């Protein structure tokens, strides 16, 4: 019984911690503003940038 109660308490505390961590508000970018530029590496090793696709 004690092991079951301890396990249930740990699960409850874990769920509470996850819920509190997920509730933080994040700022959203304003509509109409440009997205920040970033680069990614493709499967063949070349790099692609967001600015490469601007205006397309």
PDB file of N, CA and C in Angstrom:
ATOM      1  N   UNK A   1       0.824  -1.193   0.000  1.00  0.00           N
ATOM      2  CA  UNK A   1       0.000   0.000   0.000  1.00  0.00           C
ATOM      3  C   UNK A   1       0.868   1.256   0.000  1.00  0.00           C
ATOM      4  N   UNK A   2       1.921   1.253   0.812  1.00  0.00           N
ATOM      5  CA  UNK A   2       2.781   2.426   0.892  1.00  0.00           C
ATOM      6  C   UNK A   2       3.508   2.675  -0.424  1.00  0.00           C
ATOM      7  N   UNK A   3       3.926   1.604  -1.098  1.00  0.00           N
ATOM      8  CA  UNK A   3       4.597   1.765  -2.385  1.00  0.00           C
ATOM      9  C   UNK A   3       3.641   2.341  -3.418  1.00  0.00           C
ATOM     10  N   UNK A   4       2.398   1.905  -3.391  1.00  0.00           N
ATOM     11  CA  UNK A   4       1.395   2.413  -4.324  1.00  0.00           C
ATOM     12  C   UNK A   4       1.120   3.884  -4.070  1.00  0.00           C
ATOM     13  N   UNK A   5       1.015   4.256  -2.805  1.00  0.00           N
ATOM     14  CA  UNK A   5       0.773   5.653  -2.447  1.00  0.00           C
ATOM     15  C   UNK A   5       1.964   6.523  -2.842  1.00  0.00           C
ATOM     16  N   UNK A   6       3.165   6.045  -2.609  1.00  0.00           N
ATOM     17  CA  UNK A   6       4.369   6.784  -2.988  1.00  0.00           C
ATOM     18  C   UNK A   6       4.450   6.943  -4.502  1.00  0.00           C
ATOM     19  N   UNK A   7       4.150   5.880  -5.227  1.00  0.00           N
ATOM     20  CA  UNK A   7       4.167   5.935  -6.686  1.00  0.00           C
ATOM     21  C   UNK A   7       3.131   6.933  -7.202  1.00  0.00           C
ATOM     22  N   UNK A   8       1.935   6.920  -6.647  1.00  0.00           N
ATOM     23  CA  UNK A   8       0.882   7.851  -7.060  1.00  0.00           C
ATOM     24  C   UNK A   8       1.281   9.291  -6.755  1.00  0.00           C
ATOM     25  N   UNK A   9       1.918   9.514  -5.614  1.00  0.00           N
ATOM     26  CA  UNK A   9       2.358  10.861  -5.255  1.00  0.00           C
ATOM     27  C   UNK A   9       3.442  11.350  -6.214  1.00  0.00           C
ATOM     28  N   UNK A  10       4.361  10.479  -6.591  1.00  0.00           N
ATOM     29  CA  UNK A  10       5.414  10.862  -7.535  1.00  0.00           C
ATOM     30  C   UNK A  10       4.836  11.187  -8.908  1.00  0.00           C
ATOM     31  N   UNK A  11       3.865  10.398  -9.349  1.00  0.00           N
ATOM     32  CA  UNK A  11       3.219  10.666 -10.633  1.00  0.00           C
ATOM     33  C   UNK A  11       2.497  12.005 -10.582  1.00  0.00           C
ATOM     34  N   UNK A  12       1.794  12.269  -9.481  1.00  0.00           N
ATOM     35  CA  UNK A  12       1.070  13.531  -9.330  1.00  0.00           C
ATOM     36  C   UNK A  12       2.025  14.719  -9.328  1.00  0.00           C
ATOM     37  N   UNK A  13       3.123  14.616  -8.597  1.00  0.00           N
ATOM     38  CA  UNK A  13       4.103  15.704  -8.568  1.00  0.00           C
ATOM     39  C   UNK A  13       4.748  15.916  -9.932  1.00  0.00           C
ATOM     40  N   UNK A  14       5.021  14.847 -10.638  1.00  0.00           N
ATOM     41  CA  UNK A  14       5.598  14.948 -11.977  1.00  0.00           C
ATOM     42  C   UNK A  14       4.624  15.647 -12.921  1.00  0.00           C
ATOM     43  N   UNK A  15       3.354  15.258 -12.875  1.00  0.00           N
ATOM     44  CA  UNK A  15       2.345  15.881 -13.733  1.00  0.00           C
ATOM     45  C   UNK A  15       2.174  17.353 -13.383  1.00  0.00           C
ATOM     46  N   UNK A  16       2.205  17.672 -12.104  1.00  0.00           N
ATOM     47  CA  UNK A  16       2.080  19.066 -11.677  1.00  0.00           C
ATOM     48  C   UNK A  16       3.269  19.890 -12.169  1.00  0.00           C
ATOM     49  N   UNK A  17       4.464  19.344 -12.066  1.00  0.00           N
ATOM     50  CA  UNK A  17       5.654  20.047 -12.550  1.00  0.00           C
ATOM     51  C   UNK A  17       5.616  20.278 -14.044  1.00  0.00           C
ATOM     52  N   UNK A  18       5.146  19.289 -14.787  1.00  0.00           N
ATOM     53  CA  UNK A  18       5.048  19.444 -16.239  1.00  0.00           C
ATOM     54  C   UNK A  18       3.996  20.486 -16.597  1.00  0.00           C
ATOM     55  N   UNK A  19       2.895  20.502 -15.883  1.00  0.00           N
ATOM     56  CA  UNK A  19       1.829  21.465 -16.166  1.00  0.00           C
ATOM     57  C   UNK A  19       2.286  22.884 -15.864  1.00  0.00           C
ATOM     58  N   UNK A  20       3.006  23.072 -14.788  1.00  0.00           N
ATOM     59  CA  UNK A  20       3.483  24.411 -14.450  1.00  0.00           C
ATOM     60  C   UNK A  20       4.554  24.878 -15.423  1.00  0.00           C
ATOM     61  N   UNK A  21       5.392  23.979 -15.881  1.00  0.00           N
ATOM     62  CA  UNK A  21       6.427  24.337 -16.844  1.00  0.00           C
ATOM     63  C   UNK A  21       5.854  24.677 -18.201  1.00  0.00           C
ATOM     64  N   UNK A  22       4.761  24.044 -18.566  1.00  0.00           N
ATOM     65  CA  UNK A  22       4.151  24.276 -19.872  1.00  0.00           C
ATOM     66  C   UNK A  22       3.280  25.520 -19.890  1.00  0.00           C
ATOM     67  N   UNK A  23       2.964  26.070 -18.730  1.00  0.00           N
ATOM     68  CA  UNK A  23       2.046  27.200 -18.693  1.00  0.00           C
ATOM     69  C   UNK A  23       2.728  28.542 -18.923  1.00  0.00           C
ATOM     70  N   UNK A  24       4.039  28.550 -19.095  1.00  0.00           N
ATOM     71  CA  UNK A  24       4.731  29.807 -19.339  1.00  0.00           C
ATOM     72  C   UNK A  24       4.289  30.385 -20.673  1.00  0.00           C
ATOM     73  N   UNK A  25       4.024  31.667 -20.675  1.00  0.00           N
ATOM     74  CA  UNK A  25       3.590  32.301 -21.913  1.00  0.00           C
ATOM     75  C   UNK A  25       4.805  32.654 -22.756  1.00  0.00           C
ATOM     76  N   UNK A  26       4.684  32.439 -24.028  1.00  0.00           N
ATOM     77  CA  UNK A  26       5.739  32.788 -24.963  1.00  0.00           C
ATOM     78  C   UNK A  26       5.219  33.897 -25.855  1.00  0.00           C
ATOM     79  N   UNK A  27       6.078  34.835 -26.165  1.00  0.00           N
ATOM     80  CA  UNK A  27       5.658  35.933 -27.017  1.00  0.00           C
ATOM     81  C   UNK A  27       5.582  35.464 -28.456  1.00  0.00           C
ATOM     82  N   UNK A  28       4.565  35.884 -29.135  1.00  0.00           N
ATOM     83  CA  UNK A  28       4.364  35.554 -30.537  1.00  0.00           C
ATOM     84  C   UNK A  28       4.868  36.717 -31.385  1.00  0.00           C
ATOM     85  N   UNK A  29       5.442  36.441 -32.540  1.00  0.00           N
ATOM     86  CA  UNK A  29       5.872  37.538 -33.410  1.00  0.00           C
ATOM     87  C   UNK A  29       4.661  38.318 -33.907  1.00  0.00           C
ATOM     88  N   UNK A  30       4.849  39.595 -34.091  1.00  0.00           N
ATOM     89  CA  UNK A  30       3.761  40.443 -34.567  1.00  0.00           C
ATOM     90  C   UNK A  30       3.443  40.114 -36.019  1.00  0.00           C
ATOM     91  N   UNK A  31       2.181  40.175 -36.359  1.00  0.00           N
ATOM     92  CA  UNK A  31       1.742  39.909 -37.724  1.00  0.00           C
ATOM     93  C   UNK A  31       2.290  40.987 -38.651  1.00  0.00           C
ATOM     94  N   UNK A  32       2.826  40.568 -39.768  1.00  0.00           N
ATOM     95  CA  UNK A  32       3.343  41.510 -40.751  1.00  0.00           C
ATOM     96  C   UNK A  32       4.824  41.800 -40.622  1.00  0.00           C
ATOM     97  N   UNK A  33       5.468  41.325 -39.570  1.00  0.00           N
ATOM     98  CA  UNK A  33       6.902  41.556 -39.424  1.00  0.00           C
ATOM     99  C   UNK A  33       7.664  40.417 -40.101  1.00  0.00           C
ATOM    100  N   UNK A  34       8.885  40.705 -40.489  1.00  0.00           N
ATOM    101  CA  UNK A  34       9.707  39.703 -41.171  1.00  0.00           C
ATOM    102  C   UNK A  34      10.190  38.652 -40.171  1.00  0.00           C
ATOM    103  N   UNK A  35      10.234  37.423 -40.618  1.00  0.00           N
ATOM    104  CA  UNK A  35      10.748  36.339 -39.781  1.00  0.00           C
ATOM    105  C   UNK A  35      12.265  36.459 -39.691  1.00  0.00           C
ATOM    106  N   UNK A  36      12.851  36.079 -38.572  1.00  0.00           N
ATOM    107  CA  UNK A  36      14.307  36.139 -38.464  1.00  0.00           C
ATOM    108  C   UNK A  36      14.957  35.142 -39.422  1.00  0.00           C
ATOM    109  N   UNK A  37      16.095  35.543 -39.969  1.00  0.00           N
ATOM    110  CA  UNK A  37      16.789  34.687 -40.925  1.00  0.00           C
ATOM    111  C   UNK A  37      17.442  33.514 -40.193  1.00  0.00           C
ATOM    112  N   UNK A  38      17.451  32.363 -40.816  1.00  0.00           N
ATOM    113  CA  UNK A  38      18.120  31.195 -40.265  1.00  0.00           C
ATOM    114  C   UNK A  38      18.629  30.338 -41.410  1.00  0.00           C
ATOM    115  N   UNK A  39      19.573  29.465 -41.107  1.00  0.00           N
ATOM    116  CA  UNK A  39      20.144  28.561 -42.105  1.00  0.00           C
ATOM    117  C   UNK A  39      19.977  27.129 -41.626  1.00  0.00           C
ATOM    118  N   UNK A  40      19.719  26.232 -42.572  1.00  0.00           N
ATOM    119  CA  UNK A  40      19.649  24.801 -42.280  1.00  0.00           C
ATOM    120  C   UNK A  40      20.520  24.063 -43.280  1.00  0.00           C
ATOM    121  N   UNK A  41      20.996  22.913 -42.877  1.00  0.00           N
ATOM    122  CA  UNK A  41      21.794  22.072 -43.758  1.00  0.00           C
ATOM    123  C   UNK A  41      20.890  20.993 -44.326  1.00  0.00           C
ATOM    124  N   UNK A  42      20.898  20.853 -45.650  1.00  0.00           N
ATOM    125  CA  UNK A  42      20.059  19.857 -46.310  1.00  0.00           C
ATOM    126  C   UNK A  42      20.719  18.489 -46.245  1.00  0.00           C
ATOM    127  N   UNK A  43      20.033  17.488 -46.742  1.00  0.00           N
ATOM    128  CA  UNK A  43      20.546  16.125 -46.721  1.00  0.00           C
ATOM    129  C   UNK A  43      21.813  15.941 -47.524  1.00  0.00           C
ATOM    130  N   UNK A  44      21.998  16.749 -48.572  1.00  0.00           N
ATOM    131  CA  UNK A  44      23.202  16.603 -49.392  1.00  0.00           C
ATOM    132  C   UNK A  44      24.353  17.482 -48.906  1.00  0.00           C
ATOM    133  N   UNK A  45      24.179  18.176 -47.768  1.00  0.00           N
ATOM    134  CA  UNK A  45      25.260  18.957 -47.182  1.00  0.00           C
ATOM    135  C   UNK A  45      25.264  20.427 -47.529  1.00  0.00           C
ATOM    136  N   UNK A  46      24.421  20.863 -48.461  1.00  0.00           N
ATOM    137  CA  UNK A  46      24.386  22.284 -48.794  1.00  0.00           C
ATOM    138  C   UNK A  46      23.539  23.029 -47.767  1.00  0.00           C
ATOM    139  N   UNK A  47      23.783  24.330 -47.654  1.00  0.00           N
ATOM    140  CA  UNK A  47      23.024  25.142 -46.710  1.00  0.00           C
ATOM    141  C   UNK A  47      21.982  25.962 -47.443  1.00  0.00           C
ATOM    142  N   UNK A  48      20.813  26.064 -46.824  1.00  0.00           N
ATOM    143  CA  UNK A  48      19.711  26.844 -47.367  1.00  0.00           C
ATOM    144  C   UNK A  48      19.331  27.869 -46.317  1.00  0.00           C
ATOM    145  N   UNK A  49      19.120  29.099 -46.755  1.00  0.00           N
ATOM    146  CA  UNK A  49      18.767  30.183 -45.856  1.00  0.00           C
ATOM    147  C   UNK A  49      17.352  30.654 -46.146  1.00  0.00           C
ATOM    148  N   UNK A  50      16.694  31.193 -45.140  1.00  0.00           N
ATOM    149  CA  UNK A  50      15.350  31.721 -45.327  1.00  0.00           C
ATOM    150  C   UNK A  50      15.361  32.876 -46.322  1.00  0.00           C
ATOM    151  N   UNK A  51      16.422  33.678 -46.303  1.00  0.00           N
ATOM    152  CA  UNK A  51      16.469  34.819 -47.218  1.00  0.00           C
ATOM    153  C   UNK A  51      16.576  34.380 -48.681  1.00  0.00           C
ATOM    154  N   UNK A  52      16.987  33.122 -48.930  1.00  0.00           N
ATOM    155  CA  UNK A  52      17.025  32.606 -50.299  1.00  0.00           C
ATOM    156  C   UNK A  52      15.630  32.529 -50.903  1.00  0.00           C
ATOM    157  N   UNK A  53      14.623  32.419 -50.061  1.00  0.00           N
ATOM    158  CA  UNK A  53      13.245  32.255 -50.535  1.00  0.00           C
ATOM    159  C   UNK A  53      12.400  33.515 -50.364  1.00  0.00           C
ATOM    160  N   UNK A  54      13.004  34.616 -49.964  1.00  0.00           N
ATOM    161  CA  UNK A  54      12.266  35.862 -49.784  1.00  0.00           C
ATOM    162  C   UNK A  54      11.701  36.333 -51.118  1.00  0.00           C
ATOM    163  N   UNK A  55      10.424  36.677 -51.135  1.00  0.00           N
ATOM    164  CA  UNK A  55       9.780  37.196 -52.332  1.00  0.00           C
ATOM    165  C   UNK A  55       9.288  36.134 -53.288  1.00  0.00           C
ATOM    166  N   UNK A  56       9.427  34.878 -52.950  1.00  0.00           N
ATOM    167  CA  UNK A  56       8.977  33.811 -53.854  1.00  0.00           C
ATOM    168  C   UNK A  56       7.618  33.324 -53.444  1.00  0.00           C
TER     169      UNK A  56
END
